[in-house]
Amino acid sequence: MSEPVLKLTGLIYKGDSPGVFVGCIKEMRGVVVQGNSEDAVYRDLVEGAKFLVEFKHEEALQLLREQINAEYVTDEEIDFSLSREVIREVSAE
């Protein structure tokens, strides 16, 4: 049986200045990055997700438990996947 994978989403927004993109991880607070391309921001988000999973381990475990609908996850090291979601227009709410 394969180990469960924590599913995270990297949100990438067009910045206020031309050629600037900003990104964050939707499911966990703690990482905000910026770069000059969507790809650069995504790469930085992957590194940020590694940081979150390691240093916010209990929060990551709880999120994984919720995602797989299980009360107990025994894995000490959490594998994750990071999908990319590009927000082209920011809604004015």
Protein backbone atom coordinates (compact mmCIF):
# COMPACT_ATOMS: atom_id res chain seq x y z
CA MET A 1 0.00 0.00 0.00
CA SER A 2 1.37 3.43 -0.88
CA GLU A 3 1.85 6.16 1.69
CA PRO A 4 -0.69 9.00 1.78
CA VAL A 5 0.32 12.25 0.07
CA LEU A 6 -0.51 15.70 1.43
CA LYS A 7 -2.13 17.71 -1.36
CA LEU A 8 -1.19 21.38 -1.40
CA THR A 9 -2.07 24.16 -3.85
CA GLY A 10 0.33 26.89 -4.89
CA LEU A 11 -1.60 30.06 -5.70
CA ILE A 12 0.21 32.41 -8.08
CA TYR A 13 -0.98 35.97 -8.62
CA LYS A 14 0.15 38.70 -11.00
CA GLY A 15 1.84 41.35 -8.90
CA ASP A 16 1.10 45.07 -8.92
CA SER A 17 4.26 45.81 -10.91
CA PRO A 18 4.84 44.52 -14.45
CA GLY A 19 6.79 41.26 -14.55
CA VAL A 20 6.24 40.47 -10.87
CA PHE A 21 4.38 37.41 -9.62
CA VAL A 22 3.47 36.54 -6.03
CA GLY A 23 2.66 33.12 -4.62
CA CYS A 24 1.42 31.45 -1.47
CA ILE A 25 0.25 28.02 -0.36
CA LYS A 26 -3.53 27.86 -0.04
CA GLU A 27 -3.81 25.23 2.68
CA MET A 28 -1.07 26.40 5.10
CA ARG A 29 0.07 29.83 6.20
CA GLY A 30 3.72 30.74 6.39
CA VAL A 31 5.06 31.02 2.86
CA VAL A 32 4.79 34.01 0.54
CA VAL A 33 7.19 34.28 -2.38
CA GLN A 34 7.68 36.55 -5.36
CA GLY A 35 9.56 36.26 -8.61
CA ASN A 36 9.78 37.43 -12.20
CA SER A 37 7.85 34.49 -13.71
CA GLU A 38 5.12 32.01 -12.78
CA ASP A 39 7.68 29.19 -13.02
CA ALA A 40 10.13 30.90 -10.67
CA VAL A 41 7.38 31.48 -8.12
CA TYR A 42 6.22 27.87 -8.41
CA ARG A 43 9.77 26.57 -7.81
CA ASP A 44 10.04 28.76 -4.71
CA LEU A 45 6.64 27.52 -3.52
CA VAL A 46 7.87 23.91 -3.76
CA GLU A 47 10.82 24.84 -1.53
CA GLY A 48 8.45 26.68 0.81
CA ALA A 49 6.18 23.63 1.01
CA LYS A 50 9.17 21.50 2.03
CA PHE A 51 9.85 24.02 4.80
CA LEU A 52 6.23 24.01 5.98
CA VAL A 53 5.97 20.23 6.05
CA GLU A 54 9.18 19.99 8.06
CA PHE A 55 8.78 22.89 10.49
CA LYS A 56 4.98 22.83 10.84
CA HIS A 57 4.94 19.05 10.98
CA GLU A 58 1.99 18.71 13.38
CA GLU A 59 -0.13 21.12 11.31
CA ALA A 60 0.80 19.21 8.14
CA LEU A 61 -0.08 15.89 9.79
CA GLN A 62 -3.47 17.25 10.88
CA LEU A 63 -4.18 18.52 7.36
CA LEU A 64 -3.18 15.14 5.91
CA ARG A 65 -5.50 13.37 8.37
CA GLU A 66 -8.35 15.61 7.25
CA GLN A 67 -7.60 15.06 3.56
CA ILE A 68 -7.54 11.27 3.80
CA ASN A 69 -10.28 11.14 6.44
CA ALA A 70 -8.20 9.22 8.96
CA GLU A 71 -7.61 9.92 12.63
CA TYR A 72 -4.14 8.45 12.79
CA VAL A 73 -1.25 8.79 10.35
CA THR A 74 1.94 7.03 11.41
CA ASP A 75 4.34 8.33 8.78
CA GLU A 76 7.10 10.44 10.28
CA GLU A 77 8.06 11.96 6.91
CA ILE A 78 5.20 13.50 4.95
CA ASP A 79 5.18 13.30 1.18
CA PHE A 80 3.36 16.14 -0.56
CA SER A 81 2.25 17.22 -3.99
CA LEU A 82 1.90 20.85 -4.99
CA SER A 83 -0.52 21.73 -7.76
CA ARG A 84 -0.32 25.10 -9.46
CA GLU A 85 -3.26 27.50 -9.65
CA VAL A 86 -2.68 30.80 -11.48
CA ILE A 87 -5.06 33.61 -10.57
CA ARG A 88 -5.30 35.88 -13.59
CA GLU A 89 -7.74 38.40 -12.19
CA VAL A 90 -8.22 39.35 -8.57
CA SER A 91 -11.87 39.93 -7.76
CA ALA A 92 -12.77 43.14 -5.94
CA GLU A 93 -14.93 41.97 -3.04
